PDB file of all heavy atoms in Angstrom:
ATOM      1  N   LEU A   1     -49.613-156.055  12.412  1.00  0.00           N
ATOM      2  CA  LEU A   1     -49.272-154.990  11.466  1.00  0.00           C
ATOM      3  C   LEU A   1     -49.225-155.559  10.053  1.00  0.00           C
ATOM      4  O   LEU A   1     -48.292-156.277   9.694  1.00  0.00           O
ATOM      5  CB  LEU A   1     -47.920-154.376  11.822  1.00  0.00           C
ATOM      6  CG  LEU A   1     -47.906-153.250  12.850  1.00  0.00           C
ATOM      7  CD1 LEU A   1     -46.469-152.872  13.198  1.00  0.00           C
ATOM      8  CD2 LEU A   1     -48.649-152.018  12.340  1.00  0.00           C
ATOM      9  N   GLU A   2     -50.219-155.234   9.244  1.00  0.00           N
ATOM     10  CA  GLU A   2     -50.270-155.775   7.893  1.00  0.00           C
ATOM     11  C   GLU A   2     -49.197-155.178   6.987  1.00  0.00           C
ATOM     12  O   GLU A   2     -48.771-155.816   6.033  1.00  0.00           O
ATOM     13  CB  GLU A   2     -51.664-155.549   7.298  1.00  0.00           C
ATOM     14  CG  GLU A   2     -52.761-156.352   7.971  1.00  0.00           C
ATOM     15  CD  GLU A   2     -53.723-156.938   6.974  1.00  0.00           C
ATOM     16  OE1 GLU A   2     -53.979-156.276   5.953  1.00  0.00           O
ATOM     17  OE2 GLU A   2     -54.216-158.065   7.215  1.00  0.00           O
ATOM     18  N   ASN A   3     -48.785-153.937   7.260  1.00  0.00           N
ATOM     19  CA  ASN A   3     -47.726-153.306   6.457  1.00  0.00           C
ATOM     20  C   ASN A   3     -46.493-153.056   7.324  1.00  0.00           C
ATOM     21  O   ASN A   3     -45.958-151.950   7.396  1.00  0.00           O
ATOM     22  CB  ASN A   3     -48.220-152.012   5.814  1.00  0.00           C
ATOM     23  CG  ASN A   3     -48.689-150.988   6.832  1.00  0.00           C
ATOM     24  OD1 ASN A   3     -49.118-151.339   7.939  1.00  0.00           O
ATOM     25  ND2 ASN A   3     -48.621-149.719   6.472  1.00  0.00           N
ATOM     26  N   ARG A   4     -46.055-154.104   7.984  1.00  0.00           N
ATOM     27  CA  ARG A   4     -44.948-153.996   8.921  1.00  0.00           C
ATOM     28  C   ARG A   4     -43.691-153.418   8.278  1.00  0.00           C
ATOM     29  O   ARG A   4     -43.009-152.575   8.876  1.00  0.00           O
ATOM     30  CB  ARG A   4     -44.656-155.373   9.509  1.00  0.00           C
ATOM     31  CG  ARG A   4     -43.512-155.393  10.518  1.00  0.00           C
ATOM     32  CD  ARG A   4     -43.221-156.808  10.969  1.00  0.00           C
ATOM     33  NE  ARG A   4     -42.079-156.870  11.860  1.00  0.00           N
ATOM     34  CZ  ARG A   4     -41.515-158.009  12.257  1.00  0.00           C
ATOM     35  NH1 ARG A   4     -42.019-159.163  11.839  1.00  0.00           N
ATOM     36  NH2 ARG A   4     -40.472-157.994  13.062  1.00  0.00           N
ATOM     37  N   ALA A   5     -43.354-153.847   7.066  1.00  0.00           N
ATOM     38  CA  ALA A   5     -42.132-153.361   6.426  1.00  0.00           C
ATOM     39  C   ALA A   5     -42.179-151.842   6.233  1.00  0.00           C
ATOM     40  O   ALA A   5     -41.189-151.139   6.459  1.00  0.00           O
ATOM     41  CB  ALA A   5     -41.920-154.052   5.083  1.00  0.00           C
ATOM     42  N   GLU A   6     -43.331-151.332   5.821  1.00  0.00           N
ATOM     43  CA  GLU A   6     -43.470-149.881   5.651  1.00  0.00           C
ATOM     44  C   GLU A   6     -43.295-149.158   6.979  1.00  0.00           C
ATOM     45  O   GLU A   6     -42.641-148.111   7.050  1.00  0.00           O
ATOM     46  CB  GLU A   6     -44.838-149.547   5.066  1.00  0.00           C
ATOM     47  CG  GLU A   6     -44.985-149.856   3.588  1.00  0.00           C
ATOM     48  CD  GLU A   6     -46.340-149.430   3.077  1.00  0.00           C
ATOM     49  OE1 GLU A   6     -47.364-149.782   3.704  1.00  0.00           O
ATOM     50  OE2 GLU A   6     -46.381-148.739   2.045  1.00  0.00           O
ATOM     51  N   ILE A   7     -43.902-149.694   8.033  1.00  0.00           N
ATOM     52  CA  ILE A   7     -43.822-149.056   9.346  1.00  0.00           C
ATOM     53  C   ILE A   7     -42.392-149.093   9.876  1.00  0.00           C
ATOM     54  O   ILE A   7     -41.928-148.157  10.525  1.00  0.00           O
ATOM     55  CB  ILE A   7     -44.791-149.737  10.334  1.00  0.00           C
ATOM     56  CG1 ILE A   7     -46.233-149.569   9.844  1.00  0.00           C
ATOM     57  CG2 ILE A   7     -44.640-149.148  11.729  1.00  0.00           C
ATOM     58  CD1 ILE A   7     -46.629-148.127   9.540  1.00  0.00           C
ATOM     59  N   GLU A   8     -41.665-150.158   9.588  1.00  0.00           N
ATOM     60  CA  GLU A   8     -40.261-150.211  10.008  1.00  0.00           C
ATOM     61  C   GLU A   8     -39.436-149.146   9.288  1.00  0.00           C
ATOM     62  O   GLU A   8     -38.570-148.503   9.906  1.00  0.00           O
ATOM     63  CB  GLU A   8     -39.701-151.594   9.744  1.00  0.00           C
ATOM     64  CG  GLU A   8     -40.228-152.642  10.708  1.00  0.00           C
ATOM     65  CD  GLU A   8     -39.733-154.040  10.403  1.00  0.00           C
ATOM     66  OE1 GLU A   8     -39.188-154.252   9.293  1.00  0.00           O
ATOM     67  OE2 GLU A   8     -39.890-154.919  11.268  1.00  0.00           O
ATOM     68  N   ARG A   9     -39.692-148.932   8.001  1.00  0.00           N
ATOM     69  CA  ARG A   9     -38.957-147.883   7.278  1.00  0.00           C
ATOM     70  C   ARG A   9     -39.310-146.506   7.813  1.00  0.00           C
ATOM     71  O   ARG A   9     -38.439-145.642   7.975  1.00  0.00           O
ATOM     72  CB  ARG A   9     -39.254-147.981   5.778  1.00  0.00           C
ATOM     73  CG  ARG A   9     -38.698-149.234   5.116  1.00  0.00           C
ATOM     74  CD  ARG A   9     -38.638-149.098   3.604  1.00  0.00           C
ATOM     75  NE  ARG A   9     -39.958-148.969   3.005  1.00  0.00           N
ATOM     76  CZ  ARG A   9     -40.691-149.994   2.596  1.00  0.00           C
ATOM     77  NH1 ARG A   9     -40.249-151.238   2.751  1.00  0.00           N
ATOM     78  NH2 ARG A   9     -41.867-149.809   2.030  1.00  0.00           N
ATOM     79  N   LEU A  10     -40.590-146.290   8.082  1.00  0.00           N
ATOM     80  CA  LEU A  10     -41.017-145.009   8.640  1.00  0.00           C
ATOM     81  C   LEU A  10     -40.402-144.785  10.013  1.00  0.00           C
ATOM     82  O   LEU A  10     -39.919-143.684  10.333  1.00  0.00           O
ATOM     83  CB  LEU A  10     -42.543-144.979   8.739  1.00  0.00           C
ATOM     84  CG  LEU A  10     -43.167-143.722   9.353  1.00  0.00           C
ATOM     85  CD1 LEU A  10     -42.870-142.508   8.488  1.00  0.00           C
ATOM     86  CD2 LEU A  10     -44.675-143.899   9.531  1.00  0.00           C
ATOM     87  N   SER A  11     -40.395-145.827  10.835  1.00  0.00           N
ATOM     88  CA  SER A  11     -39.833-145.716  12.186  1.00  0.00           C
ATOM     89  C   SER A  11     -38.339-145.436  12.135  1.00  0.00           C
ATOM     90  O   SER A  11     -37.816-144.660  12.944  1.00  0.00           O
ATOM     91  CB  SER A  11     -40.093-147.008  12.972  1.00  0.00           C
ATOM     92  OG  SER A  11     -41.476-147.222  13.141  1.00  0.00           O
ATOM     93  N   LEU A  12     -37.630-146.041  11.184  1.00  0.00           N
ATOM     94  CA  LEU A  12     -36.200-145.787  11.042  1.00  0.00           C
ATOM     95  C   LEU A  12     -35.940-144.328  10.693  1.00  0.00           C
ATOM     96  O   LEU A  12     -35.047-143.688  11.273  1.00  0.00           O
ATOM     97  CB  LEU A  12     -35.611-146.707   9.971  1.00  0.00           C
ATOM     98  CG  LEU A  12     -34.135-146.498   9.632  1.00  0.00           C
ATOM     99  CD1 LEU A  12     -33.271-146.667  10.876  1.00  0.00           C
ATOM    100  CD2 LEU A  12     -33.687-147.461   8.532  1.00  0.00           C
ATOM    101  N   ALA A  13     -36.712-143.786   9.753  1.00  0.00           N
ATOM    102  CA  ALA A  13     -36.539-142.385   9.391  1.00  0.00           C
ATOM    103  C   ALA A  13     -36.813-141.476  10.583  1.00  0.00           C
ATOM    104  O   ALA A  13     -36.094-140.497  10.832  1.00  0.00           O
ATOM    105  CB  ALA A  13     -37.475-142.034   8.232  1.00  0.00           C
ATOM    106  N   ARG A  14     -37.848-141.810  11.347  1.00  0.00           N
ATOM    107  CA  ARG A  14     -38.191-140.995  12.517  1.00  0.00           C
ATOM    108  C   ARG A  14     -37.110-141.088  13.589  1.00  0.00           C
ATOM    109  O   ARG A  14     -36.736-140.072  14.201  1.00  0.00           O
ATOM    110  CB  ARG A  14     -39.542-141.475  13.063  1.00  0.00           C
ATOM    111  CG  ARG A  14     -40.018-140.754  14.305  1.00  0.00           C
ATOM    112  CD  ARG A  14     -41.454-141.139  14.600  1.00  0.00           C
ATOM    113  NE  ARG A  14     -41.741-141.041  16.007  1.00  0.00           N
ATOM    114  CZ  ARG A  14     -42.884-141.415  16.568  1.00  0.00           C
ATOM    115  NH1 ARG A  14     -43.846-141.931  15.813  1.00  0.00           N
ATOM    116  NH2 ARG A  14     -43.084-141.296  17.861  1.00  0.00           N
ATOM    117  N   LEU A  15     -36.597-142.288  13.837  1.00  0.00           N
ATOM    118  CA  LEU A  15     -35.544-142.456  14.835  1.00  0.00           C
ATOM    119  C   LEU A  15     -34.284-141.683  14.451  1.00  0.00           C
ATOM    120  O   LEU A  15     -33.621-141.091  15.307  1.00  0.00           O
ATOM    121  CB  LEU A  15     -35.220-143.936  15.005  1.00  0.00           C
ATOM    122  CG  LEU A  15     -36.178-144.745  15.886  1.00  0.00           C
ATOM    123  CD1 LEU A  15     -35.959-146.236  15.677  1.00  0.00           C
ATOM    124  CD2 LEU A  15     -35.992-144.381  17.352  1.00  0.00           C
ATOM    125  N   ARG A  16     -33.945-141.698  13.179  1.00  0.00           N
ATOM    126  CA  ARG A  16     -32.763-140.945  12.742  1.00  0.00           C
ATOM    127  C   ARG A  16     -32.953-139.451  12.965  1.00  0.00           C
ATOM    128  O   ARG A  16     -32.014-138.746  13.367  1.00  0.00           O
ATOM    129  CB  ARG A  16     -32.489-141.249  11.265  1.00  0.00           C
ATOM    130  CG  ARG A  16     -31.820-142.589  11.038  1.00  0.00           C
ATOM    131  CD  ARG A  16     -31.718-142.932   9.566  1.00  0.00           C
ATOM    132  NE  ARG A  16     -30.829-144.084   9.341  1.00  0.00           N
ATOM    133  CZ  ARG A  16     -30.814-144.802   8.239  1.00  0.00           C
ATOM    134  NH1 ARG A  16     -31.654-144.512   7.234  1.00  0.00           N
ATOM    135  NH2 ARG A  16     -29.990-145.823   8.110  1.00  0.00           N
ATOM    136  N   THR A  17     -34.151-138.965  12.698  1.00  0.00           N
ATOM    137  CA  THR A  17     -34.441-137.545  12.932  1.00  0.00           C
ATOM    138  C   THR A  17     -34.332-137.215  14.416  1.00  0.00           C
ATOM    139  O   THR A  17     -33.753-136.191  14.796  1.00  0.00           O
ATOM    140  CB  THR A  17     -35.853-137.204  12.416  1.00  0.00           C
ATOM    141  OG1 THR A  17     -35.910-137.436  11.008  1.00  0.00           O
ATOM    142  CG2 THR A  17     -36.188-135.742  12.698  1.00  0.00           C
ATOM    143  N   GLU A  18     -34.861-138.082  15.260  1.00  0.00           N
ATOM    144  CA  GLU A  18     -34.811-137.843  16.701  1.00  0.00           C
ATOM    145  C   GLU A  18     -33.385-137.930  17.226  1.00  0.00           C
ATOM    146  O   GLU A  18     -32.993-137.167  18.117  1.00  0.00           O
ATOM    147  CB  GLU A  18     -35.724-138.831  17.421  1.00  0.00           C
ATOM    148  CG  GLU A  18     -37.201-138.577  17.120  1.00  0.00           C
ATOM    149  CD  GLU A  18     -38.119-139.649  17.691  1.00  0.00           C
ATOM    150  OE1 GLU A  18     -37.622-140.539  18.419  1.00  0.00           O
ATOM    151  OE2 GLU A  18     -39.331-139.599  17.401  1.00  0.00           O
ATOM    152  N   LEU A  19     -32.594-138.844  16.686  1.00  0.00           N
ATOM    153  CA  LEU A  19     -31.203-138.968  17.111  1.00  0.00           C
ATOM    154  C   LEU A  19     -30.422-137.710  16.757  1.00  0.00           C
ATOM    155  O   LEU A  19     -29.596-137.226  17.546  1.00  0.00           O
ATOM    156  CB  LEU A  19     -30.567-140.192  16.463  1.00  0.00           C
ATOM    157  CG  LEU A  19     -29.130-140.531  16.870  1.00  0.00           C
ATOM    158  CD1 LEU A  19     -29.033-140.735  18.373  1.00  0.00           C
ATOM    159  CD2 LEU A  19     -28.647-141.779  16.135  1.00  0.00           C
ATOM    160  N   ALA A  20     -30.692-137.136  15.592  1.00  0.00           N
ATOM    161  CA  ALA A  20     -30.030-135.890  15.203  1.00  0.00           C
ATOM    162  C   ALA A  20     -30.441-134.756  16.134  1.00  0.00           C
ATOM    163  O   ALA A  20     -29.643-133.864  16.444  1.00  0.00           O
ATOM    164  CB  ALA A  20     -30.375-135.546  13.757  1.00  0.00           C
ATOM    165  N   HIS A  21     -31.687-134.792  16.599  1.00  0.00           N
ATOM    166  CA  HIS A  21     -32.169-133.743  17.509  1.00  0.00           C
ATOM    167  C   HIS A  21     -31.549-133.886  18.893  1.00  0.00           C
ATOM    168  O   HIS A  21     -31.060-132.904  19.466  1.00  0.00           O
ATOM    169  CB  HIS A  21     -33.690-133.815  17.613  1.00  0.00           C
ATOM    170  CG  HIS A  21     -34.267-132.945  18.697  1.00  0.00           C
ATOM    171  ND1 HIS A  21     -34.282-131.571  18.623  1.00  0.00           N
ATOM    172  CD2 HIS A  21     -34.823-133.267  19.900  1.00  0.00           C
ATOM    173  CE1 HIS A  21     -34.834-131.077  19.716  1.00  0.00           C
ATOM    174  NE2 HIS A  21     -35.163-132.081  20.509  1.00  0.00           N
ATOM    175  N   PHE A  22     -31.548-135.100  19.437  1.00  0.00           N
ATOM    176  CA  PHE A  22     -31.097-135.305  20.809  1.00  0.00           C
ATOM    177  C   PHE A  22     -29.581-135.420  20.935  1.00  0.00           C
ATOM    178  O   PHE A  22     -29.033-135.267  22.020  1.00  0.00           O
ATOM    179  CB  PHE A  22     -31.727-136.573  21.390  1.00  0.00           C
ATOM    180  CG  PHE A  22     -33.191-136.423  21.720  1.00  0.00           C
ATOM    181  CD1 PHE A  22     -34.141-137.198  21.092  1.00  0.00           C
ATOM    182  CD2 PHE A  22     -33.605-135.497  22.672  1.00  0.00           C
ATOM    183  CE1 PHE A  22     -35.484-137.066  21.392  1.00  0.00           C
ATOM    184  CE2 PHE A  22     -34.956-135.360  22.982  1.00  0.00           C
ATOM    185  CZ  PHE A  22     -35.900-136.147  22.340  1.00  0.00           C
ATOM    186  N   GLY A  23     -28.896-135.709  19.831  1.00  0.00           N
ATOM    187  CA  GLY A  23     -27.460-135.915  19.917  1.00  0.00           C
ATOM    188  C   GLY A  23     -27.148-137.331  20.368  1.00  0.00           C
ATOM    189  O   GLY A  23     -27.962-138.250  20.235  1.00  0.00           O
ATOM    190  N   ARG A  24     -25.972-137.537  20.908  1.00  0.00           N
ATOM    191  CA  ARG A  24     -25.516-138.873  21.280  1.00  0.00           C
ATOM    192  C   ARG A  24     -26.482-139.535  22.265  1.00  0.00           C
ATOM    193  O   ARG A  24     -26.797-138.971  23.318  1.00  0.00           O
ATOM    194  CB  ARG A  24     -24.124-138.774  21.902  1.00  0.00           C
ATOM    195  CG  ARG A  24     -23.390-140.102  21.990  1.00  0.00           C
ATOM    196  CD  ARG A  24     -21.946-139.866  22.375  1.00  0.00           C
ATOM    197  NE  ARG A  24     -21.826-139.366  23.751  1.00  0.00           N
ATOM    198  CZ  ARG A  24     -20.699-138.894  24.263  1.00  0.00           C
ATOM    199  NH1 ARG A  24     -19.619-138.802  23.509  1.00  0.00           N
ATOM    200  NH2 ARG A  24     -20.652-138.493  25.516  1.00  0.00           N
ATOM    201  N   ASP A  25     -26.985-140.708  21.902  1.00  0.00           N
ATOM    202  CA  ASP A  25     -27.953-141.406  22.744  1.00  0.00           C
ATOM    203  C   ASP A  25     -27.817-142.907  22.466  1.00  0.00           C
ATOM    204  O   ASP A  25     -28.221-143.371  21.397  1.00  0.00           O
ATOM    205  CB  ASP A  25     -29.379-140.934  22.440  1.00  0.00           C
ATOM    206  CG  ASP A  25     -30.409-141.540  23.370  1.00  0.00           C
ATOM    207  OD1 ASP A  25     -30.504-142.784  23.434  1.00  0.00           O
ATOM    208  OD2 ASP A  25     -31.130-140.773  24.043  1.00  0.00           O
ATOM    209  N   PRO A  26     -27.260-143.677  23.390  1.00  0.00           N
ATOM    210  CA  PRO A  26     -27.019-145.106  23.141  1.00  0.00           C
ATOM    211  C   PRO A  26     -28.274-145.894  22.793  1.00  0.00           C
ATOM    212  O   PRO A  26     -28.229-146.803  21.951  1.00  0.00           O
ATOM    213  CB  PRO A  26     -26.403-145.592  24.460  1.00  0.00           C
ATOM    214  CG  PRO A  26     -25.804-144.375  25.083  1.00  0.00           C
ATOM    215  CD  PRO A  26     -26.717-143.244  24.683  1.00  0.00           C
ATOM    216  N   VAL A  27     -29.403-145.557  23.421  1.00  0.00           N
ATOM    217  CA  VAL A  27     -30.641-146.297  23.154  1.00  0.00           C
ATOM    218  C   VAL A  27     -31.106-146.062  21.725  1.00  0.00           C
ATOM    219  O   VAL A  27     -31.437-147.005  20.986  1.00  0.00           O
ATOM    220  CB  VAL A  27     -31.743-145.895  24.158  1.00  0.00           C
ATOM    221  CG1 VAL A  27     -33.073-146.545  23.772  1.00  0.00           C
ATOM    222  CG2 VAL A  27     -31.350-146.295  25.572  1.00  0.00           C
ATOM    223  N   LEU A  28     -31.138-144.804  21.300  1.00  0.00           N
ATOM    224  CA  LEU A  28     -31.577-144.492  19.946  1.00  0.00           C
ATOM    225  C   LEU A  28     -30.578-145.002  18.909  1.00  0.00           C
ATOM    226  O   LEU A  28     -30.974-145.457  17.829  1.00  0.00           O
ATOM    227  CB  LEU A  28     -31.791-142.989  19.789  1.00  0.00           C
ATOM    228  CG  LEU A  28     -32.891-142.363  20.663  1.00  0.00           C
ATOM    229  CD1 LEU A  28     -33.040-140.880  20.356  1.00  0.00           C
ATOM    230  CD2 LEU A  28     -34.221-143.083  20.471  1.00  0.00           C
ATOM    231  N   GLU A  29     -29.292-144.922  19.225  1.00  0.00           N
ATOM    232  CA  GLU A  29     -28.279-145.421  18.295  1.00  0.00           C
ATOM    233  C   GLU A  29     -28.437-146.931  18.093  1.00  0.00           C
ATOM    234  O   GLU A  29     -28.326-147.443  16.974  1.00  0.00           O
ATOM    235  CB  GLU A  29     -26.877-145.091  18.824  1.00  0.00           C
ATOM    236  CG  GLU A  29     -26.545-143.602  18.751  1.00  0.00           C
ATOM    237  CD  GLU A  29     -25.290-143.247  19.534  1.00  0.00           C
ATOM    238  OE1 GLU A  29     -24.742-144.138  20.206  1.00  0.00           O
ATOM    239  OE2 GLU A  29     -24.880-142.079  19.482  1.00  0.00           O
ATOM    240  N   TRP A  30     -28.687-147.660  19.190  1.00  0.00           N
ATOM    241  CA  TRP A  30     -28.908-149.114  19.088  1.00  0.00           C
ATOM    242  C   TRP A  30     -30.143-149.401  18.244  1.00  0.00           C
ATOM    243  O   TRP A  30     -30.118-150.278  17.375  1.00  0.00           O
ATOM    244  CB  TRP A  30     -29.083-149.687  20.489  1.00  0.00           C
ATOM    245  CG  TRP A  30     -29.519-151.118  20.502  1.00  0.00           C
ATOM    246  CD1 TRP A  30     -28.733-152.226  20.388  1.00  0.00           C
ATOM    247  CD2 TRP A  30     -30.866-151.599  20.615  1.00  0.00           C
ATOM    248  NE1 TRP A  30     -29.509-153.369  20.435  1.00  0.00           N
ATOM    249  CE2 TRP A  30     -30.807-153.018  20.571  1.00  0.00           C
ATOM    250  CE3 TRP A  30     -32.103-150.975  20.762  1.00  0.00           C
ATOM    251  CZ2 TRP A  30     -31.958-153.812  20.663  1.00  0.00           C
ATOM    252  CZ3 TRP A  30     -33.244-151.760  20.848  1.00  0.00           C
ATOM    253  CH2 TRP A  30     -33.171-153.160  20.797  1.00  0.00           C
ATOM    254  N   ALA A  31     -31.221-148.646  18.479  1.00  0.00           N
ATOM    255  CA  ALA A  31     -32.462-148.869  17.729  1.00  0.00           C
ATOM    256  C   ALA A  31     -32.262-148.589  16.243  1.00  0.00           C
ATOM    257  O   ALA A  31     -32.744-149.347  15.385  1.00  0.00           O
ATOM    258  CB  ALA A  31     -33.574-147.991  18.288  1.00  0.00           C
ATOM    259  N   VAL A  32     -31.564-147.505  15.918  1.00  0.00           N
ATOM    260  CA  VAL A  32     -31.300-147.185  14.518  1.00  0.00           C
ATOM    261  C   VAL A  32     -30.493-148.298  13.858  1.00  0.00           C
ATOM    262  O   VAL A  32     -30.778-148.715  12.725  1.00  0.00           O
ATOM    263  CB  VAL A  32     -30.567-145.831  14.402  1.00  0.00           C
ATOM    264  CG1 VAL A  32     -29.988-145.639  13.006  1.00  0.00           C
ATOM    265  CG2 VAL A  32     -31.519-144.674  14.734  1.00  0.00           C
ATOM    266  N   GLY A  33     -29.485-148.809  14.563  1.00  0.00           N
ATOM    267  CA  GLY A  33     -28.675-149.881  13.998  1.00  0.00           C
ATOM    268  C   GLY A  33     -29.476-151.141  13.728  1.00  0.00           C
ATOM    269  O   GLY A  33     -29.356-151.746  12.648  1.00  0.00           O
ATOM    270  N   ARG A  34     -30.309-151.543  14.696  1.00  0.00           N
ATOM    271  CA  ARG A  34     -31.126-152.746  14.520  1.00  0.00           C
ATOM    272  C   ARG A  34     -32.114-152.583  13.375  1.00  0.00           C
ATOM    273  O   ARG A  34     -32.272-153.473  12.534  1.00  0.00           O
ATOM    274  CB  ARG A  34     -31.892-153.052  15.814  1.00  0.00           C
ATOM    275  CG  ARG A  34     -31.080-153.661  16.933  1.00  0.00           C
ATOM    276  CD  ARG A  34     -30.755-155.140  16.685  1.00  0.00           C
ATOM    277  NE  ARG A  34     -31.926-155.957  16.379  1.00  0.00           N
ATOM    278  CZ  ARG A  34     -32.719-156.520  17.280  1.00  0.00           C
ATOM    279  NH1 ARG A  34     -32.460-156.359  18.580  1.00  0.00           N
ATOM    280  NH2 ARG A  34     -33.745-157.269  16.893  1.00  0.00           N
ATOM    281  N   LEU A  35     -32.804-151.447  13.340  1.00  0.00           N
ATOM    282  CA  LEU A  35     -33.806-151.246  12.295  1.00  0.00           C
ATOM    283  C   LEU A  35     -33.153-151.077  10.926  1.00  0.00           C
ATOM    284  O   LEU A  35     -33.693-151.524   9.919  1.00  0.00           O
ATOM    285  CB  LEU A  35     -34.679-150.029  12.624  1.00  0.00           C
ATOM    286  CG  LEU A  35     -35.967-150.313  13.392  1.00  0.00           C
ATOM    287  CD1 LEU A  35     -36.699-149.007  13.693  1.00  0.00           C
ATOM    288  CD2 LEU A  35     -36.882-151.264  12.634  1.00  0.00           C
ATOM    289  N   ALA A  36     -31.999-150.412  10.886  1.00  0.00           N
ATOM    290  CA  ALA A  36     -31.306-150.223   9.606  1.00  0.00           C
ATOM    291  C   ALA A  36     -30.928-151.564   8.996  1.00  0.00           C
ATOM    292  O   ALA A  36     -31.056-151.769   7.785  1.00  0.00           O
ATOM    293  CB  ALA A  36     -30.073-149.351   9.796  1.00  0.00           C
ATOM    294  N   ASP A  37     -30.452-152.488   9.837  1.00  0.00           N
ATOM    295  CA  ASP A  37     -30.110-153.824   9.343  1.00  0.00           C
ATOM    296  C   ASP A  37     -31.342-154.523   8.781  1.00  0.00           C
ATOM    297  O   ASP A  37     -31.285-155.169   7.730  1.00  0.00           O
ATOM    298  CB  ASP A  37     -29.503-154.666  10.466  1.00  0.00           C
ATOM    299  CG  ASP A  37     -28.106-154.196  10.851  1.00  0.00           C
ATOM    300  OD1 ASP A  37     -27.488-153.464  10.054  1.00  0.00           O
ATOM    301  OD2 ASP A  37     -27.653-154.559  11.954  1.00  0.00           O
ATOM    302  N   ARG A  38     -32.459-154.388   9.490  1.00  0.00           N
ATOM    303  CA  ARG A  38     -33.678-155.067   9.045  1.00  0.00           C
ATOM    304  C   ARG A  38     -34.210-154.448   7.754  1.00  0.00           C
ATOM    305  O   ARG A  38     -34.607-155.162   6.839  1.00  0.00           O
ATOM    306  CB  ARG A  38     -34.736-155.005  10.146  1.00  0.00           C
ATOM    307  CG  ARG A  38     -36.027-155.709   9.779  1.00  0.00           C
ATOM    308  CD  ARG A  38     -36.958-155.815  10.954  1.00  0.00           C
ATOM    309  NE  ARG A  38     -36.435-156.725  11.967  1.00  0.00           N
ATOM    310  CZ  ARG A  38     -37.097-157.022  13.094  1.00  0.00           C
ATOM    311  NH1 ARG A  38     -38.270-156.472  13.340  1.00  0.00           N
ATOM    312  NH2 ARG A  38     -36.587-157.863  13.962  1.00  0.00           N
ATOM    313  N   VAL A  39     -34.209-153.116   7.691  1.00  0.00           N
ATOM    314  CA  VAL A  39     -34.719-152.441   6.493  1.00  0.00           C
ATOM    315  C   VAL A  39     -33.834-152.733   5.287  1.00  0.00           C
ATOM    316  O   VAL A  39     -34.321-152.903   4.163  1.00  0.00           O
ATOM    317  CB  VAL A  39     -34.821-150.924   6.749  1.00  0.00           C
ATOM    318  CG1 VAL A  39     -35.054-150.157   5.445  1.00  0.00           C
ATOM    319  CG2 VAL A  39     -35.948-150.631   7.744  1.00  0.00           C
ATOM    320  N   ALA A  40     -32.509-152.815   5.505  1.00  0.00           N
ATOM    321  CA  ALA A  40     -31.592-153.086   4.396  1.00  0.00           C
ATOM    322  C   ALA A  40     -31.858-154.447   3.762  1.00  0.00           C
ATOM    323  O   ALA A  40     -31.582-154.650   2.572  1.00  0.00           O
ATOM    324  CB  ALA A  40     -30.150-153.019   4.890  1.00  0.00           C
ATOM    325  N   ALA A  41     -32.412-155.358   4.552  1.00  0.00           N
ATOM    326  CA  ALA A  41     -32.684-156.703   4.034  1.00  0.00           C
ATOM    327  C   ALA A  41     -34.033-156.800   3.337  1.00  0.00           C
ATOM    328  O   ALA A  41     -34.361-157.837   2.757  1.00  0.00           O
ATOM    329  CB  ALA A  41     -32.636-157.708   5.182  1.00  0.00           C
ATOM    330  N   GLN A  42     -34.805-155.692   3.371  1.00  0.00           N
ATOM    331  CA  GLN A  42     -36.132-155.707   2.760  1.00  0.00           C
ATOM    332  C   GLN A  42     -36.056-155.274   1.302  1.00  0.00           C
ATOM    333  O   GLN A  42     -35.355-154.308   0.977  1.00  0.00           O
ATOM    334  CB  GLN A  42     -37.085-154.767   3.510  1.00  0.00           C
ATOM    335  CG  GLN A  42     -37.376-155.142   4.948  1.00  0.00           C
ATOM    336  CD  GLN A  42     -38.136-154.054   5.670  1.00  0.00           C
ATOM    337  OE1 GLN A  42     -38.412-152.995   5.108  1.00  0.00           O
ATOM    338  NE2 GLN A  42     -38.482-154.300   6.920  1.00  0.00           N
ATOM    339  N   PRO A  43     -36.788-155.916   0.433  1.00  0.00           N
ATOM    340  CA  PRO A  43     -36.904-155.410  -0.940  1.00  0.00           C
ATOM    341  C   PRO A  43     -37.869-154.234  -0.956  1.00  0.00           C
ATOM    342  O   PRO A  43     -38.648-154.044  -0.033  1.00  0.00           O
ATOM    343  CB  PRO A  43     -37.501-156.605  -1.692  1.00  0.00           C
ATOM    344  CG  PRO A  43     -38.306-157.317  -0.653  1.00  0.00           C
ATOM    345  CD  PRO A  43     -37.539-157.163   0.638  1.00  0.00           C
ATOM    346  N   GLY A  44     -37.776-153.413  -1.985  1.00  0.00           N
ATOM    347  CA  GLY A  44     -38.773-152.352  -2.136  1.00  0.00           C
ATOM    348  C   GLY A  44     -38.208-150.965  -1.947  1.00  0.00           C
ATOM    349  O   GLY A  44     -37.009-150.733  -2.092  1.00  0.00           O
ATOM    350  N   THR A  45     -39.084-150.057  -1.557  1.00  0.00           N
ATOM    351  CA  THR A  45     -38.792-148.633  -1.519  1.00  0.00           C
ATOM    352  C   THR A  45     -37.743-148.290  -0.476  1.00  0.00           C
ATOM    353  O   THR A  45     -37.811-148.756   0.655  1.00  0.00           O
ATOM    354  CB  THR A  45     -40.070-147.835  -1.215  1.00  0.00           C
ATOM    355  OG1 THR A  45     -41.071-148.240  -2.141  1.00  0.00           O
ATOM    356  CG2 THR A  45     -39.832-146.343  -1.358  1.00  0.00           C
TER     357      THR A  45
END
């Protein structure tokens, strides 16, 4: 993935939308937490 950072930000936004749709979900909540930490450490948009 040449634009991995962008795809991680896009995936985080999508996961948050899906979590809001499905409600409480440990798998999605874990994924959002992991990706949020990684995205927060990235410079940029």
